[in-house]
């Protein structure tokens, strides 16, 4: 009889721990984080369609970027470099219903015939961005880049910024 009570108690503990773990795994914040990491993984594997699957068709930003233009920026980079890598650090995640604002820092590196090196960000400092994700019918998608600082492109970004 004592062993049945012990087994029942252990089973209850395992079920409770599993339920709590699954709740955390499926929380909107964790889902958005996984979507961001999947987009980065697709970029590193040079799968443009995998990246764009994480971007809303209504994507826009202050620099004139759209869904189509974003793909147009990424494809030449994927063509020009091999062994792309993104050193990503998620600084903050703020959830507000069906929206998430994510503060990130990142450095993009890759290899050419000449050798390996940083493409965006690096020793002078990482790139910084605040990106907004929204929950759409198909799931969480990147909908806007709210802030963007790329050390090598500061002046160009300043001139291209639309108010």
C-alpha atoms as a PDB file:
ATOM      1  CA  UNK A   1       0.000   0.000   0.000  1.00  0.00           C
ATOM      2  CA  UNK A   2       2.858   2.405   0.862  1.00  0.00           C
ATOM      3  CA  UNK A   3       4.566   1.744  -2.472  1.00  0.00           C
ATOM      4  CA  UNK A   4       1.347   2.596  -4.375  1.00  0.00           C
ATOM      5  CA  UNK A   5       1.106   5.927  -2.533  1.00  0.00           C
ATOM      6  CA  UNK A   6       4.753   6.639  -3.326  1.00  0.00           C
ATOM      7  CA  UNK A   7       4.255   5.777  -7.005  1.00  0.00           C
ATOM      8  CA  UNK A   8       1.159   7.952  -7.166  1.00  0.00           C
ATOM      9  CA  UNK A   9       3.008  10.866  -5.532  1.00  0.00           C
ATOM     10  CA  UNK A  10       5.937  10.477  -7.959  1.00  0.00           C
ATOM     11  CA  UNK A  11       3.563  10.309 -10.935  1.00  0.00           C
ATOM     12  CA  UNK A  12       1.780  13.444  -9.741  1.00  0.00           C
ATOM     13  CA  UNK A  13       5.105  15.285  -9.376  1.00  0.00           C
ATOM     14  CA  UNK A  14       6.230  14.233 -12.865  1.00  0.00           C
ATOM     15  CA  UNK A  15       2.907  15.285 -14.440  1.00  0.00           C
ATOM     16  CA  UNK A  16       2.940  18.634 -12.624  1.00  0.00           C
ATOM     17  CA  UNK A  17       6.566  19.333 -13.616  1.00  0.00           C
ATOM     18  CA  UNK A  18       5.805  18.370 -17.222  1.00  0.00           C
ATOM     19  CA  UNK A  19       2.738  20.614 -17.336  1.00  0.00           C
ATOM     20  CA  UNK A  20       4.701  23.568 -15.946  1.00  0.00           C
ATOM     21  CA  UNK A  21       7.500  22.956 -18.428  1.00  0.00           C
ATOM     22  CA  UNK A  22       5.082  22.729 -21.343  1.00  0.00           C
ATOM     23  CA  UNK A  23       3.333  25.936 -20.238  1.00  0.00           C
ATOM     24  CA  UNK A  24       6.680  27.722 -20.346  1.00  0.00           C
ATOM     25  CA  UNK A  25       7.579  26.101 -23.677  1.00  0.00           C
ATOM     26  CA  UNK A  26       4.337  27.269 -25.290  1.00  0.00           C
ATOM     27  CA  UNK A  27       4.229  30.738 -23.726  1.00  0.00           C
ATOM     28  CA  UNK A  28       3.973  33.499 -26.365  1.00  0.00           C
ATOM     29  CA  UNK A  29       7.406  34.850 -25.372  1.00  0.00           C
ATOM     30  CA  UNK A  30       9.075  31.486 -25.890  1.00  0.00           C
ATOM     31  CA  UNK A  31       7.267  30.951 -29.183  1.00  0.00           C
ATOM     32  CA  UNK A  32       8.491  34.338 -30.481  1.00  0.00           C
ATOM     33  CA  UNK A  33      12.038  33.594 -29.326  1.00  0.00           C
ATOM     34  CA  UNK A  34      11.967  30.249 -31.168  1.00  0.00           C
ATOM     35  CA  UNK A  35      10.605  31.925 -34.311  1.00  0.00           C
ATOM     36  CA  UNK A  36      13.454  34.468 -34.203  1.00  0.00           C
ATOM     37  CA  UNK A  37      16.045  31.703 -33.758  1.00  0.00           C
ATOM     38  CA  UNK A  38      14.477  29.712 -36.614  1.00  0.00           C
ATOM     39  CA  UNK A  39      14.730  32.777 -38.879  1.00  0.00           C
ATOM     40  CA  UNK A  40      18.402  33.181 -37.924  1.00  0.00           C
ATOM     41  CA  UNK A  41      18.992  29.467 -38.595  1.00  0.00           C
ATOM     42  CA  UNK A  42      17.421  29.798 -42.047  1.00  0.00           C
ATOM     43  CA  UNK A  43      19.632  32.814 -42.769  1.00  0.00           C
ATOM     44  CA  UNK A  44      22.771  30.956 -41.689  1.00  0.00           C
ATOM     45  CA  UNK A  45      21.752  28.031 -43.909  1.00  0.00           C
ATOM     46  CA  UNK A  46      21.133  30.463 -46.781  1.00  0.00           C
ATOM     47  CA  UNK A  47      17.450  29.541 -47.060  1.00  0.00           C
ATOM     48  CA  UNK A  48      15.801  32.801 -48.089  1.00  0.00           C
ATOM     49  CA  UNK A  49      12.313  31.274 -48.114  1.00  0.00           C
ATOM     50  CA  UNK A  50      12.823  30.050 -44.547  1.00  0.00           C
ATOM     51  CA  UNK A  51      13.691  33.593 -43.457  1.00  0.00           C
ATOM     52  CA  UNK A  52      10.798  35.177 -45.348  1.00  0.00           C
ATOM     53  CA  UNK A  53       8.369  32.636 -43.859  1.00  0.00           C
ATOM     54  CA  UNK A  54       8.980  34.412 -40.533  1.00  0.00           C
ATOM     55  CA  UNK A  55       8.277  37.879 -41.991  1.00  0.00           C
ATOM     56  CA  UNK A  56       4.824  39.399 -42.309  1.00  0.00           C
ATOM     57  CA  UNK A  57       3.710  40.278 -45.833  1.00  0.00           C
ATOM     58  CA  UNK A  58       2.852  43.714 -44.387  1.00  0.00           C
ATOM     59  CA  UNK A  59       6.403  44.243 -43.033  1.00  0.00           C
ATOM     60  CA  UNK A  60       7.584  47.847 -43.131  1.00  0.00           C
ATOM     61  CA  UNK A  61      10.254  49.981 -41.527  1.00  0.00           C
ATOM     62  CA  UNK A  62      11.382  53.600 -41.334  1.00  0.00           C
ATOM     63  CA  UNK A  63      14.035  53.092 -43.990  1.00  0.00           C
ATOM     64  CA  UNK A  64      11.637  52.175 -46.788  1.00  0.00           C
ATOM     65  CA  UNK A  65      11.912  48.452 -46.215  1.00  0.00           C
ATOM     66  CA  UNK A  66       9.104  46.102 -47.207  1.00  0.00           C
ATOM     67  CA  UNK A  67       8.697  42.333 -47.299  1.00  0.00           C
ATOM     68  CA  UNK A  68       9.965  42.239 -50.889  1.00  0.00           C
ATOM     69  CA  UNK A  69      12.857  44.625 -50.268  1.00  0.00           C
ATOM     70  CA  UNK A  70      13.955  42.669 -47.216  1.00  0.00           C
ATOM     71  CA  UNK A  71      14.292  39.587 -49.400  1.00  0.00           C
ATOM     72  CA  UNK A  72      16.121  41.747 -51.929  1.00  0.00           C
ATOM     73  CA  UNK A  73      18.638  42.824 -49.254  1.00  0.00           C
ATOM     74  CA  UNK A  74      19.220  39.334 -47.909  1.00  0.00           C
ATOM     75  CA  UNK A  75      19.630  37.364 -51.134  1.00  0.00           C
ATOM     76  CA  UNK A  76      22.765  39.218 -52.376  1.00  0.00           C
ATOM     77  CA  UNK A  77      24.364  38.775 -48.949  1.00  0.00           C
ATOM     78  CA  UNK A  78      23.628  35.061 -49.087  1.00  0.00           C
ATOM     79  CA  UNK A  79      25.070  34.926 -52.597  1.00  0.00           C
ATOM     80  CA  UNK A  80      28.236  36.862 -51.700  1.00  0.00           C
ATOM     81  CA  UNK A  81      29.180  35.028 -48.501  1.00  0.00           C
ATOM     82  CA  UNK A  82      29.546  31.427 -47.398  1.00  0.00           C
ATOM     83  CA  UNK A  83      29.318  30.063 -43.858  1.00  0.00           C
ATOM     84  CA  UNK A  84      27.120  32.909 -42.655  1.00  0.00           C
ATOM     85  CA  UNK A  85      26.930  33.227 -38.883  1.00  0.00           C
ATOM     86  CA  UNK A  86      24.870  35.497 -36.657  1.00  0.00           C
ATOM     87  CA  UNK A  87      25.998  36.121 -33.106  1.00  0.00           C
ATOM     88  CA  UNK A  88      22.616  37.102 -31.631  1.00  0.00           C
ATOM     89  CA  UNK A  89      21.924  38.358 -28.125  1.00  0.00           C
ATOM     90  CA  UNK A  90      18.314  38.966 -27.113  1.00  0.00           C
ATOM     91  CA  UNK A  91      18.427  41.924 -24.744  1.00  0.00           C
ATOM     92  CA  UNK A  92      14.719  42.217 -23.946  1.00  0.00           C
ATOM     93  CA  UNK A  93      11.312  40.847 -24.848  1.00  0.00           C
ATOM     94  CA  UNK A  94       8.200  42.875 -24.054  1.00  0.00           C
ATOM     95  CA  UNK A  95       4.899  41.124 -24.669  1.00  0.00           C
ATOM     96  CA  UNK A  96       1.661  43.080 -25.132  1.00  0.00           C
ATOM     97  CA  UNK A  97      -1.164  40.804 -26.222  1.00  0.00           C
ATOM     98  CA  UNK A  98      -0.587  39.866 -29.842  1.00  0.00           C
ATOM     99  CA  UNK A  99       2.577  41.987 -30.157  1.00  0.00           C
ATOM    100  CA  UNK A 100       6.143  41.477 -29.009  1.00  0.00           C
ATOM    101  CA  UNK A 101       8.953  44.030 -29.013  1.00  0.00           C
ATOM    102  CA  UNK A 102      12.383  42.440 -28.972  1.00  0.00           C
ATOM    103  CA  UNK A 103      15.614  44.307 -28.339  1.00  0.00           C
ATOM    104  CA  UNK A 104      18.582  42.544 -29.908  1.00  0.00           C
ATOM    105  CA  UNK A 105      22.265  42.994 -30.567  1.00  0.00           C
ATOM    106  CA  UNK A 106      23.967  41.034 -33.314  1.00  0.00           C
ATOM    107  CA  UNK A 107      27.070  40.612 -35.430  1.00  0.00           C
ATOM    108  CA  UNK A 108      26.892  38.986 -38.872  1.00  0.00           C
ATOM    109  CA  UNK A 109      29.983  37.286 -40.237  1.00  0.00           C
ATOM    110  CA  UNK A 110      30.761  35.215 -43.284  1.00  0.00           C
ATOM    111  CA  UNK A 111      33.476  33.857 -45.544  1.00  0.00           C
ATOM    112  CA  UNK A 112      34.554  34.870 -49.032  1.00  0.00           C
ATOM    113  CA  UNK A 113      37.431  33.746 -51.247  1.00  0.00           C
ATOM    114  CA  UNK A 114      39.651  36.175 -49.318  1.00  0.00           C
ATOM    115  CA  UNK A 115      38.791  34.777 -45.883  1.00  0.00           C
ATOM    116  CA  UNK A 116      36.387  35.036 -42.985  1.00  0.00           C
ATOM    117  CA  UNK A 117      35.289  38.346 -41.506  1.00  0.00           C
ATOM    118  CA  UNK A 118      32.545  40.459 -40.037  1.00  0.00           C
ATOM    119  CA  UNK A 119      29.909  41.748 -42.434  1.00  0.00           C
ATOM    120  CA  UNK A 120      27.735  43.808 -40.077  1.00  0.00           C
ATOM    121  CA  UNK A 121      28.899  44.845 -36.619  1.00  0.00           C
ATOM    122  CA  UNK A 122      32.066  43.524 -35.076  1.00  0.00           C
ATOM    123  CA  UNK A 123      34.965  44.843 -33.047  1.00  0.00           C
ATOM    124  CA  UNK A 124      33.704  48.416 -33.324  1.00  0.00           C
ATOM    125  CA  UNK A 125      30.484  47.252 -31.701  1.00  0.00           C
ATOM    126  CA  UNK A 126      27.516  45.074 -32.467  1.00  0.00           C
ATOM    127  CA  UNK A 127      24.477  46.086 -34.444  1.00  0.00           C
ATOM    128  CA  UNK A 128      21.417  46.944 -32.381  1.00  0.00           C
ATOM    129  CA  UNK A 129      17.761  46.712 -33.275  1.00  0.00           C
ATOM    130  CA  UNK A 130      14.299  46.760 -31.819  1.00  0.00           C
ATOM    131  CA  UNK A 131      11.972  44.568 -33.821  1.00  0.00           C
ATOM    132  CA  UNK A 132       8.221  44.101 -33.514  1.00  0.00           C
ATOM    133  CA  UNK A 133       6.571  40.744 -34.020  1.00  0.00           C
ATOM    134  CA  UNK A 134       2.802  40.263 -34.295  1.00  0.00           C
ATOM    135  CA  UNK A 135       0.616  37.219 -34.023  1.00  0.00           C
ATOM    136  CA  UNK A 136      -1.049  36.623 -37.385  1.00  0.00           C
ATOM    137  CA  UNK A 137      -3.352  33.838 -38.480  1.00  0.00           C
ATOM    138  CA  UNK A 138      -0.329  31.827 -39.640  1.00  0.00           C
ATOM    139  CA  UNK A 139       1.591  32.469 -36.384  1.00  0.00           C
ATOM    140  CA  UNK A 140       4.114  34.995 -35.089  1.00  0.00           C
ATOM    141  CA  UNK A 141       5.781  37.085 -37.811  1.00  0.00           C
ATOM    142  CA  UNK A 142       8.269  39.958 -37.908  1.00  0.00           C
ATOM    143  CA  UNK A 143       6.206  43.023 -38.794  1.00  0.00           C
ATOM    144  CA  UNK A 144       8.501  46.010 -38.285  1.00  0.00           C
ATOM    145  CA  UNK A 145      12.017  47.100 -37.465  1.00  0.00           C
ATOM    146  CA  UNK A 146      11.444  50.010 -35.112  1.00  0.00           C
ATOM    147  CA  UNK A 147      15.058  50.951 -34.377  1.00  0.00           C
ATOM    148  CA  UNK A 148      18.232  49.948 -36.186  1.00  0.00           C
ATOM    149  CA  UNK A 149      21.861  50.824 -35.597  1.00  0.00           C
ATOM    150  CA  UNK A 150      24.479  49.248 -37.833  1.00  0.00           C
ATOM    151  CA  UNK A 151      27.851  50.896 -37.104  1.00  0.00           C
ATOM    152  CA  UNK A 152      29.100  50.559 -40.692  1.00  0.00           C
ATOM    153  CA  UNK A 153      25.886  51.999 -42.161  1.00  0.00           C
ATOM    154  CA  UNK A 154      24.925  54.726 -39.674  1.00  0.00           C
ATOM    155  CA  UNK A 155      25.134  57.586 -42.151  1.00  0.00           C
ATOM    156  CA  UNK A 156      23.286  55.703 -44.883  1.00  0.00           C
ATOM    157  CA  UNK A 157      20.543  54.680 -42.454  1.00  0.00           C
ATOM    158  CA  UNK A 158      20.268  58.252 -41.211  1.00  0.00           C
ATOM    159  CA  UNK A 159      19.751  59.526 -44.764  1.00  0.00           C
ATOM    160  CA  UNK A 160      17.291  56.782 -45.711  1.00  0.00           C
ATOM    161  CA  UNK A 161      15.156  57.104 -42.569  1.00  0.00           C
ATOM    162  CA  UNK A 162      11.599  58.161 -43.342  1.00  0.00           C
ATOM    163  CA  UNK A 163       9.584  60.024 -40.764  1.00  0.00           C
END
